[in-house]
Amino acid sequence: MPDARAAGGEGERLHRLLSRALGVLAAVLLFGMAVMTTADVAGRALLGYGVPGSYELTSMMLAALIFVGLPLTTERDEHVAVDLADHVLPTRWVRVMAAVAGLLSTVVLAVLAWQLAVRGAGLGEEGAVTNILRLPLAPVAYLAAATTGLSAAVQAARTLAGLRGR
């Protein structure tokens, strides 16, 4: 997902594979959430009780979905951005501000990935599990750490490409 398209060949194939894999995983998670919510609501309405652990599963799927979508959002530059001063500043200053924002975003994402990995390790050592289904929590933290780290790499590549004028 880093700006591998410029490298061509292998880099382009890796970029497409990662984008597709993350997109498919996001779609599967969203579909799973919809099915789980529908089954839970239907069970409550028709049978008087819902799917045991549906809240836990939906919460875990939502967390995974958010973090799986992060590298895709970063790659497509679809994060929320406010351009209050861009139209009144010289182009050079707008580029400098974009570079600083890109570098800052890269650092924040990298630190967040590191802290998520630390948290995942802690959850794994504690043997932390959900209350009802007893599902381990560490894998969700590790997924969040990995995808946030990928987002940091994507942001770094975007920032470097911007500095090179691409």
N, C-alpha and C. Protein backbone atom coordinates (compact mmCIF):
# COMPACT_ATOMS: atom_id res chain seq x y z
N MET A 1 0.79 -1.19 0.00
CA MET A 1 0.00 0.00 0.00
C MET A 1 0.85 1.26 0.00
N PRO A 2 2.08 1.23 0.54
CA PRO A 2 2.90 2.40 0.33
C PRO A 2 3.03 2.64 -1.16
N ASP A 3 3.47 3.80 -1.55
CA ASP A 3 3.40 4.20 -2.94
C ASP A 3 4.20 3.28 -3.84
N ALA A 4 3.78 2.02 -3.90
CA ALA A 4 4.47 1.01 -4.67
C ALA A 4 4.16 1.12 -6.14
N ARG A 5 3.10 1.84 -6.47
CA ARG A 5 2.73 1.98 -7.87
C ARG A 5 3.84 2.62 -8.68
N ALA A 6 4.57 3.53 -8.05
CA ALA A 6 5.67 4.19 -8.75
C ALA A 6 6.78 3.20 -9.06
N ALA A 7 6.98 2.18 -8.21
CA ALA A 7 8.02 1.19 -8.43
C ALA A 7 7.63 0.23 -9.55
N GLY A 8 6.32 0.03 -9.76
CA GLY A 8 5.85 -0.85 -10.82
C GLY A 8 6.04 -2.31 -10.45
N GLY A 9 5.61 -3.20 -11.35
CA GLY A 9 5.82 -4.64 -11.22
C GLY A 9 5.36 -5.22 -9.91
N GLU A 10 6.32 -5.78 -9.17
CA GLU A 10 6.04 -6.44 -7.89
C GLU A 10 5.34 -5.52 -6.91
N GLY A 11 5.80 -4.28 -6.84
CA GLY A 11 5.20 -3.33 -5.91
C GLY A 11 3.73 -3.08 -6.21
N GLU A 12 3.41 -2.99 -7.49
CA GLU A 12 2.02 -2.78 -7.91
C GLU A 12 1.16 -3.98 -7.54
N ARG A 13 1.70 -5.18 -7.75
CA ARG A 13 0.94 -6.40 -7.41
C ARG A 13 0.70 -6.48 -5.90
N LEU A 14 1.72 -6.16 -5.12
CA LEU A 14 1.57 -6.16 -3.66
C LEU A 14 0.54 -5.13 -3.22
N HIS A 15 0.60 -3.97 -3.82
CA HIS A 15 -0.37 -2.91 -3.51
C HIS A 15 -1.80 -3.38 -3.79
N ARG A 16 -2.01 -3.96 -4.96
CA ARG A 16 -3.36 -4.45 -5.31
C ARG A 16 -3.81 -5.57 -4.39
N LEU A 17 -2.89 -6.47 -4.06
CA LEU A 17 -3.22 -7.59 -3.18
C LEU A 17 -3.62 -7.11 -1.79
N LEU A 18 -2.84 -6.19 -1.23
CA LEU A 18 -3.16 -5.65 0.10
C LEU A 18 -4.48 -4.89 0.09
N SER A 19 -4.67 -4.07 -0.92
CA SER A 19 -5.92 -3.30 -1.02
C SER A 19 -7.13 -4.22 -1.13
N ARG A 20 -6.99 -5.24 -1.98
CA ARG A 20 -8.10 -6.19 -2.15
C ARG A 20 -8.35 -6.97 -0.88
N ALA A 21 -7.28 -7.47 -0.27
CA ALA A 21 -7.44 -8.28 0.94
C ALA A 21 -8.10 -7.46 2.06
N LEU A 22 -7.65 -6.24 2.25
CA LEU A 22 -8.26 -5.39 3.29
C LEU A 22 -9.70 -5.05 2.94
N GLY A 23 -9.97 -4.80 1.67
CA GLY A 23 -11.34 -4.51 1.25
C GLY A 23 -12.27 -5.69 1.46
N VAL A 24 -11.80 -6.89 1.11
CA VAL A 24 -12.61 -8.09 1.31
C VAL A 24 -12.83 -8.35 2.80
N LEU A 25 -11.77 -8.19 3.58
CA LEU A 25 -11.90 -8.39 5.03
C LEU A 25 -12.90 -7.39 5.62
N ALA A 26 -12.84 -6.15 5.19
CA ALA A 26 -13.79 -5.14 5.67
C ALA A 26 -15.22 -5.52 5.29
N ALA A 27 -15.41 -6.00 4.06
CA ALA A 27 -16.75 -6.40 3.62
C ALA A 27 -17.26 -7.59 4.42
N VAL A 28 -16.40 -8.55 4.69
CA VAL A 28 -16.79 -9.73 5.48
C VAL A 28 -17.17 -9.31 6.90
N LEU A 29 -16.38 -8.43 7.49
CA LEU A 29 -16.69 -7.95 8.84
C LEU A 29 -18.02 -7.20 8.88
N LEU A 30 -18.24 -6.34 7.90
CA LEU A 30 -19.49 -5.59 7.85
C LEU A 30 -20.68 -6.52 7.65
N PHE A 31 -20.53 -7.51 6.77
CA PHE A 31 -21.59 -8.49 6.55
C PHE A 31 -21.86 -9.29 7.83
N GLY A 32 -20.79 -9.70 8.52
CA GLY A 32 -20.94 -10.43 9.77
C GLY A 32 -21.67 -9.63 10.82
N MET A 33 -21.35 -8.33 10.90
CA MET A 33 -22.06 -7.46 11.84
C MET A 33 -23.54 -7.36 11.50
N ALA A 34 -23.85 -7.24 10.21
CA ALA A 34 -25.25 -7.14 9.79
C ALA A 34 -26.00 -8.43 10.11
N VAL A 35 -25.39 -9.57 9.81
CA VAL A 35 -26.04 -10.86 10.09
C VAL A 35 -26.23 -11.04 11.59
N MET A 36 -25.20 -10.73 12.37
CA MET A 36 -25.28 -10.89 13.83
C MET A 36 -26.37 -9.98 14.42
N THR A 37 -26.42 -8.74 13.98
CA THR A 37 -27.43 -7.80 14.49
C THR A 37 -28.83 -8.25 14.10
N THR A 38 -28.98 -8.68 12.84
CA THR A 38 -30.29 -9.15 12.37
C THR A 38 -30.74 -10.37 13.16
N ALA A 39 -29.85 -11.33 13.35
CA ALA A 39 -30.20 -12.54 14.10
C ALA A 39 -30.55 -12.20 15.54
N ASP A 40 -29.80 -11.30 16.14
CA ASP A 40 -30.06 -10.92 17.53
C ASP A 40 -31.41 -10.22 17.67
N VAL A 41 -31.69 -9.28 16.78
CA VAL A 41 -32.97 -8.54 16.84
C VAL A 41 -34.13 -9.49 16.55
N ALA A 42 -33.99 -10.34 15.53
CA ALA A 42 -35.06 -11.29 15.19
C ALA A 42 -35.29 -12.25 16.34
N GLY A 43 -34.22 -12.73 16.96
CA GLY A 43 -34.36 -13.64 18.09
C GLY A 43 -35.09 -13.00 19.26
N ARG A 44 -34.75 -11.74 19.53
CA ARG A 44 -35.42 -11.02 20.62
C ARG A 44 -36.91 -10.80 20.31
N ALA A 45 -37.19 -10.47 19.06
CA ALA A 45 -38.58 -10.17 18.68
C ALA A 45 -39.43 -11.44 18.59
N LEU A 46 -38.87 -12.50 18.01
CA LEU A 46 -39.65 -13.70 17.75
C LEU A 46 -39.60 -14.74 18.88
N LEU A 47 -38.45 -14.85 19.52
CA LEU A 47 -38.27 -15.90 20.51
C LEU A 47 -38.16 -15.38 21.94
N GLY A 48 -38.01 -14.08 22.07
CA GLY A 48 -37.90 -13.50 23.40
C GLY A 48 -36.48 -13.44 23.94
N TYR A 49 -35.51 -13.93 23.20
CA TYR A 49 -34.11 -13.80 23.62
C TYR A 49 -33.22 -13.74 22.38
N GLY A 50 -32.13 -13.02 22.53
CA GLY A 50 -31.23 -12.82 21.41
C GLY A 50 -30.11 -13.84 21.36
N VAL A 51 -29.16 -13.57 20.50
CA VAL A 51 -28.00 -14.45 20.32
C VAL A 51 -27.03 -14.20 21.48
N PRO A 52 -26.70 -15.23 22.24
CA PRO A 52 -25.75 -15.05 23.35
C PRO A 52 -24.40 -14.53 22.83
N GLY A 53 -23.89 -13.49 23.46
CA GLY A 53 -22.60 -12.93 23.08
C GLY A 53 -22.62 -12.06 21.84
N SER A 54 -23.81 -11.72 21.34
CA SER A 54 -23.87 -10.93 20.11
C SER A 54 -23.24 -9.55 20.30
N TYR A 55 -23.42 -8.98 21.47
CA TYR A 55 -22.81 -7.67 21.73
C TYR A 55 -21.29 -7.76 21.68
N GLU A 56 -20.73 -8.81 22.28
CA GLU A 56 -19.29 -9.00 22.27
C GLU A 56 -18.77 -9.19 20.84
N LEU A 57 -19.43 -10.06 20.09
CA LEU A 57 -18.99 -10.32 18.72
C LEU A 57 -19.10 -9.07 17.86
N THR A 58 -20.21 -8.37 17.99
CA THR A 58 -20.39 -7.15 17.19
C THR A 58 -19.36 -6.10 17.56
N SER A 59 -19.08 -5.97 18.84
CA SER A 59 -18.07 -5.00 19.29
C SER A 59 -16.69 -5.34 18.74
N MET A 60 -16.34 -6.59 18.76
CA MET A 60 -15.03 -7.01 18.25
C MET A 60 -14.96 -6.82 16.73
N MET A 61 -16.05 -7.15 16.05
CA MET A 61 -16.07 -6.96 14.60
C MET A 61 -16.00 -5.47 14.23
N LEU A 62 -16.66 -4.63 15.02
CA LEU A 62 -16.63 -3.19 14.76
C LEU A 62 -15.21 -2.64 14.94
N ALA A 63 -14.55 -3.05 16.01
CA ALA A 63 -13.17 -2.61 16.23
C ALA A 63 -12.28 -3.07 15.08
N ALA A 64 -12.42 -4.32 14.67
CA ALA A 64 -11.62 -4.84 13.56
C ALA A 64 -11.93 -4.08 12.27
N LEU A 65 -13.20 -3.80 12.02
CA LEU A 65 -13.60 -3.08 10.81
C LEU A 65 -12.98 -1.69 10.76
N ILE A 66 -13.01 -1.00 11.86
CA ILE A 66 -12.45 0.35 11.91
C ILE A 66 -10.96 0.32 11.58
N PHE A 67 -10.24 -0.60 12.19
CA PHE A 67 -8.80 -0.64 11.98
C PHE A 67 -8.42 -1.23 10.62
N VAL A 68 -9.22 -2.13 10.08
CA VAL A 68 -8.96 -2.65 8.73
C VAL A 68 -9.18 -1.54 7.70
N GLY A 69 -10.14 -0.68 7.96
CA GLY A 69 -10.40 0.43 7.03
C GLY A 69 -9.39 1.55 7.11
N LEU A 70 -8.63 1.62 8.19
CA LEU A 70 -7.67 2.71 8.37
C LEU A 70 -6.62 2.80 7.27
N PRO A 71 -5.95 1.69 6.89
CA PRO A 71 -4.97 1.81 5.81
C PRO A 71 -5.61 2.17 4.47
N LEU A 72 -6.81 1.69 4.24
CA LEU A 72 -7.51 2.02 2.99
C LEU A 72 -7.85 3.50 2.94
N THR A 73 -8.30 4.02 4.05
CA THR A 73 -8.63 5.45 4.14
C THR A 73 -7.38 6.30 3.98
N THR A 74 -6.30 5.87 4.59
CA THR A 74 -5.04 6.61 4.50
C THR A 74 -4.52 6.60 3.07
N GLU A 75 -4.56 5.45 2.44
CA GLU A 75 -4.05 5.33 1.08
C GLU A 75 -4.83 6.22 0.11
N ARG A 76 -6.11 6.30 0.31
CA ARG A 76 -6.96 7.08 -0.60
C ARG A 76 -7.06 8.54 -0.18
N ASP A 77 -6.38 8.90 0.88
CA ASP A 77 -6.39 10.27 1.41
C ASP A 77 -7.81 10.74 1.67
N GLU A 78 -8.58 9.88 2.34
CA GLU A 78 -9.98 10.18 2.61
C GLU A 78 -10.25 10.53 4.06
N HIS A 79 -9.20 10.86 4.81
CA HIS A 79 -9.41 11.32 6.18
C HIS A 79 -10.05 12.70 6.14
N VAL A 80 -10.73 13.05 7.20
CA VAL A 80 -11.34 14.37 7.30
C VAL A 80 -10.22 15.40 7.34
N ALA A 81 -10.33 16.42 6.51
CA ALA A 81 -9.33 17.48 6.47
C ALA A 81 -10.05 18.82 6.40
N VAL A 82 -9.51 19.79 7.11
CA VAL A 82 -10.08 21.14 7.10
C VAL A 82 -9.06 22.07 6.47
N ASP A 83 -9.45 22.72 5.40
CA ASP A 83 -8.55 23.62 4.66
C ASP A 83 -8.96 25.07 4.92
N LEU A 84 -8.74 25.52 6.12
CA LEU A 84 -9.16 26.88 6.47
C LEU A 84 -8.32 27.96 5.82
N ALA A 85 -7.03 27.70 5.69
CA ALA A 85 -6.13 28.76 5.23
C ALA A 85 -5.53 28.49 3.86
N ASP A 86 -5.81 27.35 3.26
CA ASP A 86 -5.18 26.99 1.99
C ASP A 86 -5.43 28.00 0.88
N HIS A 87 -6.59 28.58 0.85
CA HIS A 87 -6.93 29.49 -0.25
C HIS A 87 -6.33 30.89 -0.07
N VAL A 88 -5.82 31.21 1.10
CA VAL A 88 -5.24 32.54 1.32
C VAL A 88 -3.71 32.52 1.46
N LEU A 89 -3.14 31.34 1.58
CA LEU A 89 -1.69 31.21 1.73
C LEU A 89 -1.03 30.93 0.38
N PRO A 90 0.22 31.30 0.25
CA PRO A 90 0.95 30.95 -0.97
C PRO A 90 1.05 29.42 -1.11
N THR A 91 1.15 28.96 -2.34
CA THR A 91 1.21 27.52 -2.62
C THR A 91 2.35 26.85 -1.86
N ARG A 92 3.47 27.55 -1.77
CA ARG A 92 4.63 26.98 -1.09
C ARG A 92 4.30 26.67 0.38
N TRP A 93 3.60 27.59 1.04
CA TRP A 93 3.24 27.37 2.45
C TRP A 93 2.24 26.24 2.60
N VAL A 94 1.35 26.11 1.65
CA VAL A 94 0.38 25.02 1.69
C VAL A 94 1.12 23.68 1.59
N ARG A 95 2.13 23.62 0.72
CA ARG A 95 2.93 22.40 0.59
C ARG A 95 3.70 22.10 1.87
N VAL A 96 4.27 23.12 2.48
CA VAL A 96 5.00 22.94 3.73
C VAL A 96 4.05 22.44 4.82
N MET A 97 2.89 23.04 4.92
CA MET A 97 1.91 22.61 5.92
C MET A 97 1.47 21.16 5.67
N ALA A 98 1.30 20.79 4.40
CA ALA A 98 0.92 19.41 4.06
C ALA A 98 2.02 18.44 4.45
N ALA A 99 3.27 18.83 4.22
CA ALA A 99 4.39 17.97 4.59
C ALA A 99 4.48 17.80 6.10
N VAL A 100 4.33 18.88 6.84
CA VAL A 100 4.38 18.81 8.30
C VAL A 100 3.21 17.96 8.82
N ALA A 101 2.04 18.16 8.27
CA ALA A 101 0.88 17.37 8.68
C ALA A 101 1.10 15.89 8.36
N GLY A 102 1.67 15.60 7.21
CA GLY A 102 1.95 14.22 6.83
C GLY A 102 2.96 13.57 7.76
N LEU A 103 4.02 14.29 8.07
CA LEU A 103 5.03 13.76 8.98
C LEU A 103 4.46 13.55 10.38
N LEU A 104 3.68 14.51 10.86
CA LEU A 104 3.05 14.38 12.16
C LEU A 104 2.08 13.20 12.19
N SER A 105 1.31 13.04 11.14
CA SER A 105 0.38 11.91 11.05
C SER A 105 1.13 10.58 11.07
N THR A 106 2.24 10.53 10.36
CA THR A 106 3.05 9.30 10.33
C THR A 106 3.53 8.96 11.73
N VAL A 107 4.05 9.95 12.44
CA VAL A 107 4.55 9.71 13.80
C VAL A 107 3.43 9.27 14.73
N VAL A 108 2.29 9.95 14.66
CA VAL A 108 1.16 9.59 15.53
C VAL A 108 0.69 8.17 15.24
N LEU A 109 0.57 7.80 13.97
CA LEU A 109 0.15 6.44 13.61
C LEU A 109 1.16 5.41 14.08
N ALA A 110 2.44 5.71 13.94
CA ALA A 110 3.48 4.77 14.36
C ALA A 110 3.46 4.57 15.88
N VAL A 111 3.31 5.65 16.62
CA VAL A 111 3.23 5.54 18.09
C VAL A 111 1.98 4.78 18.49
N LEU A 112 0.87 5.06 17.84
CA LEU A 112 -0.37 4.35 18.14
C LEU A 112 -0.21 2.85 17.85
N ALA A 113 0.41 2.50 16.73
CA ALA A 113 0.64 1.09 16.40
C ALA A 113 1.49 0.41 17.48
N TRP A 114 2.54 1.10 17.90
CA TRP A 114 3.41 0.57 18.94
C TRP A 114 2.63 0.34 20.24
N GLN A 115 1.84 1.31 20.64
CA GLN A 115 1.08 1.19 21.89
C GLN A 115 0.00 0.10 21.78
N LEU A 116 -0.59 -0.05 20.62
CA LEU A 116 -1.56 -1.14 20.43
C LEU A 116 -0.89 -2.50 20.53
N ALA A 117 0.33 -2.60 20.00
CA ALA A 117 1.07 -3.86 20.10
C ALA A 117 1.42 -4.15 21.57
N VAL A 118 1.83 -3.12 22.28
CA VAL A 118 2.12 -3.29 23.71
C VAL A 118 0.85 -3.73 24.45
N ARG A 119 -0.26 -3.10 24.14
CA ARG A 119 -1.53 -3.46 24.78
C ARG A 119 -1.92 -4.89 24.43
N GLY A 120 -1.74 -5.28 23.17
CA GLY A 120 -2.04 -6.65 22.76
C GLY A 120 -1.20 -7.67 23.53
N ALA A 121 0.09 -7.35 23.71
CA ALA A 121 0.96 -8.24 24.47
C ALA A 121 0.47 -8.36 25.92
N GLY A 122 0.06 -7.23 26.49
CA GLY A 122 -0.46 -7.25 27.85
C GLY A 122 -1.73 -8.08 27.96
N LEU A 123 -2.61 -7.90 27.00
CA LEU A 123 -3.85 -8.69 27.01
C LEU A 123 -3.57 -10.17 26.85
N GLY A 124 -2.58 -10.49 26.02
CA GLY A 124 -2.20 -11.89 25.83
C GLY A 124 -1.60 -12.49 27.09
N GLU A 125 -0.73 -11.75 27.74
CA GLU A 125 -0.11 -12.23 28.98
C GLU A 125 -1.14 -12.42 30.09
N GLU A 126 -2.10 -11.50 30.15
CA GLU A 126 -3.16 -11.60 31.17
C GLU A 126 -4.15 -12.70 30.86
N GLY A 127 -4.19 -13.13 29.60
CA GLY A 127 -5.20 -14.09 29.17
C GLY A 127 -6.58 -13.46 29.14
N ALA A 128 -6.64 -12.15 28.81
CA ALA A 128 -7.90 -11.42 28.81
C ALA A 128 -8.86 -11.99 27.76
N VAL A 129 -10.09 -12.19 28.18
CA VAL A 129 -11.13 -12.73 27.31
C VAL A 129 -12.42 -11.94 27.51
N THR A 130 -13.35 -12.12 26.59
CA THR A 130 -14.65 -11.47 26.72
C THR A 130 -15.44 -12.16 27.85
N ASN A 131 -16.45 -11.48 28.34
CA ASN A 131 -17.18 -11.99 29.51
C ASN A 131 -18.04 -13.21 29.24
N ILE A 132 -18.75 -13.22 28.13
CA ILE A 132 -19.71 -14.29 27.90
C ILE A 132 -19.12 -15.44 27.08
N LEU A 133 -18.55 -15.13 25.94
CA LEU A 133 -18.05 -16.16 25.04
C LEU A 133 -16.61 -16.58 25.33
N ARG A 134 -15.95 -15.84 26.21
CA ARG A 134 -14.57 -16.13 26.60
C ARG A 134 -13.61 -16.11 25.40
N LEU A 135 -13.85 -15.18 24.47
CA LEU A 135 -12.97 -15.01 23.32
C LEU A 135 -11.76 -14.17 23.71
N PRO A 136 -10.57 -14.53 23.25
CA PRO A 136 -9.38 -13.75 23.60
C PRO A 136 -9.43 -12.36 22.96
N LEU A 137 -8.96 -11.37 23.69
CA LEU A 137 -8.97 -9.99 23.22
C LEU A 137 -7.68 -9.59 22.51
N ALA A 138 -6.59 -10.27 22.80
CA ALA A 138 -5.29 -9.91 22.22
C ALA A 138 -5.29 -9.89 20.69
N PRO A 139 -5.92 -10.85 20.01
CA PRO A 139 -5.87 -10.81 18.54
C PRO A 139 -6.46 -9.53 17.94
N VAL A 140 -7.48 -8.97 18.57
CA VAL A 140 -8.06 -7.73 18.07
C VAL A 140 -7.04 -6.59 18.22
N ALA A 141 -6.35 -6.56 19.35
CA ALA A 141 -5.33 -5.53 19.56
C ALA A 141 -4.17 -5.70 18.57
N TYR A 142 -3.77 -6.94 18.31
CA TYR A 142 -2.69 -7.19 17.35
C TYR A 142 -3.11 -6.79 15.93
N LEU A 143 -4.35 -7.08 15.57
CA LEU A 143 -4.85 -6.66 14.26
C LEU A 143 -4.84 -5.14 14.16
N ALA A 144 -5.29 -4.48 15.22
CA ALA A 144 -5.28 -3.01 15.24
C ALA A 144 -3.86 -2.48 15.13
N ALA A 145 -2.92 -3.10 15.81
CA ALA A 145 -1.52 -2.66 15.75
C ALA A 145 -0.96 -2.84 14.34
N ALA A 146 -1.23 -3.98 13.74
CA ALA A 146 -0.69 -4.26 12.40
C ALA A 146 -1.26 -3.30 11.35
N THR A 147 -2.57 -3.08 11.39
CA THR A 147 -3.17 -2.21 10.38
C THR A 147 -2.82 -0.75 10.63
N THR A 148 -2.63 -0.36 11.88
CA THR A 148 -2.21 1.00 12.17
C THR A 148 -0.75 1.19 11.72
N GLY A 149 0.08 0.18 11.92
CA GLY A 149 1.45 0.23 11.42
C GLY A 149 1.49 0.33 9.90
N LEU A 150 0.62 -0.41 9.25
CA LEU A 150 0.51 -0.32 7.79
C LEU A 150 0.07 1.09 7.38
N SER A 151 -0.86 1.65 8.12
CA SER A 151 -1.31 3.03 7.85
C SER A 151 -0.17 4.02 8.01
N ALA A 152 0.68 3.81 9.01
CA ALA A 152 1.84 4.69 9.20
C ALA A 152 2.77 4.59 7.99
N ALA A 153 2.99 3.38 7.50
CA ALA A 153 3.85 3.20 6.33
C ALA A 153 3.23 3.85 5.09
N VAL A 154 1.94 3.71 4.94
CA VAL A 154 1.24 4.34 3.81
C VAL A 154 1.35 5.85 3.90
N GLN A 155 1.14 6.39 5.09
CA GLN A 155 1.21 7.84 5.28
C GLN A 155 2.62 8.34 5.02
N ALA A 156 3.62 7.60 5.46
CA ALA A 156 5.01 7.99 5.22
C ALA A 156 5.29 8.01 3.72
N ALA A 157 4.82 6.99 3.00
CA ALA A 157 5.03 6.95 1.55
C ALA A 157 4.31 8.11 0.86
N ARG A 158 3.10 8.40 1.28
CA ARG A 158 2.35 9.53 0.70
C ARG A 158 3.07 10.85 0.96
N THR A 159 3.58 11.00 2.17
CA THR A 159 4.28 12.24 2.53
C THR A 159 5.56 12.38 1.71
N LEU A 160 6.33 11.30 1.59
CA LEU A 160 7.55 11.36 0.79
C LEU A 160 7.24 11.64 -0.68
N ALA A 161 6.20 11.03 -1.20
CA ALA A 161 5.80 11.30 -2.58
C ALA A 161 5.41 12.77 -2.75
N GLY A 162 4.74 13.32 -1.76
CA GLY A 162 4.36 14.74 -1.80
C GLY A 162 5.58 15.65 -1.77
N LEU A 163 6.57 15.26 -0.98
CA LEU A 163 7.80 16.06 -0.90
C LEU A 163 8.58 16.01 -2.21
N ARG A 164 8.45 14.88 -2.91
CA ARG A 164 9.14 14.73 -4.21
C ARG A 164 8.35 15.37 -5.35
N GLY A 165 7.16 15.85 -5.03
CA GLY A 165 6.35 16.53 -6.03
C GLY A 165 5.47 15.63 -6.87
N ARG A 166 5.19 14.40 -6.38
CA ARG A 166 4.31 13.48 -7.14
C ARG A 166 2.89 13.67 -6.74
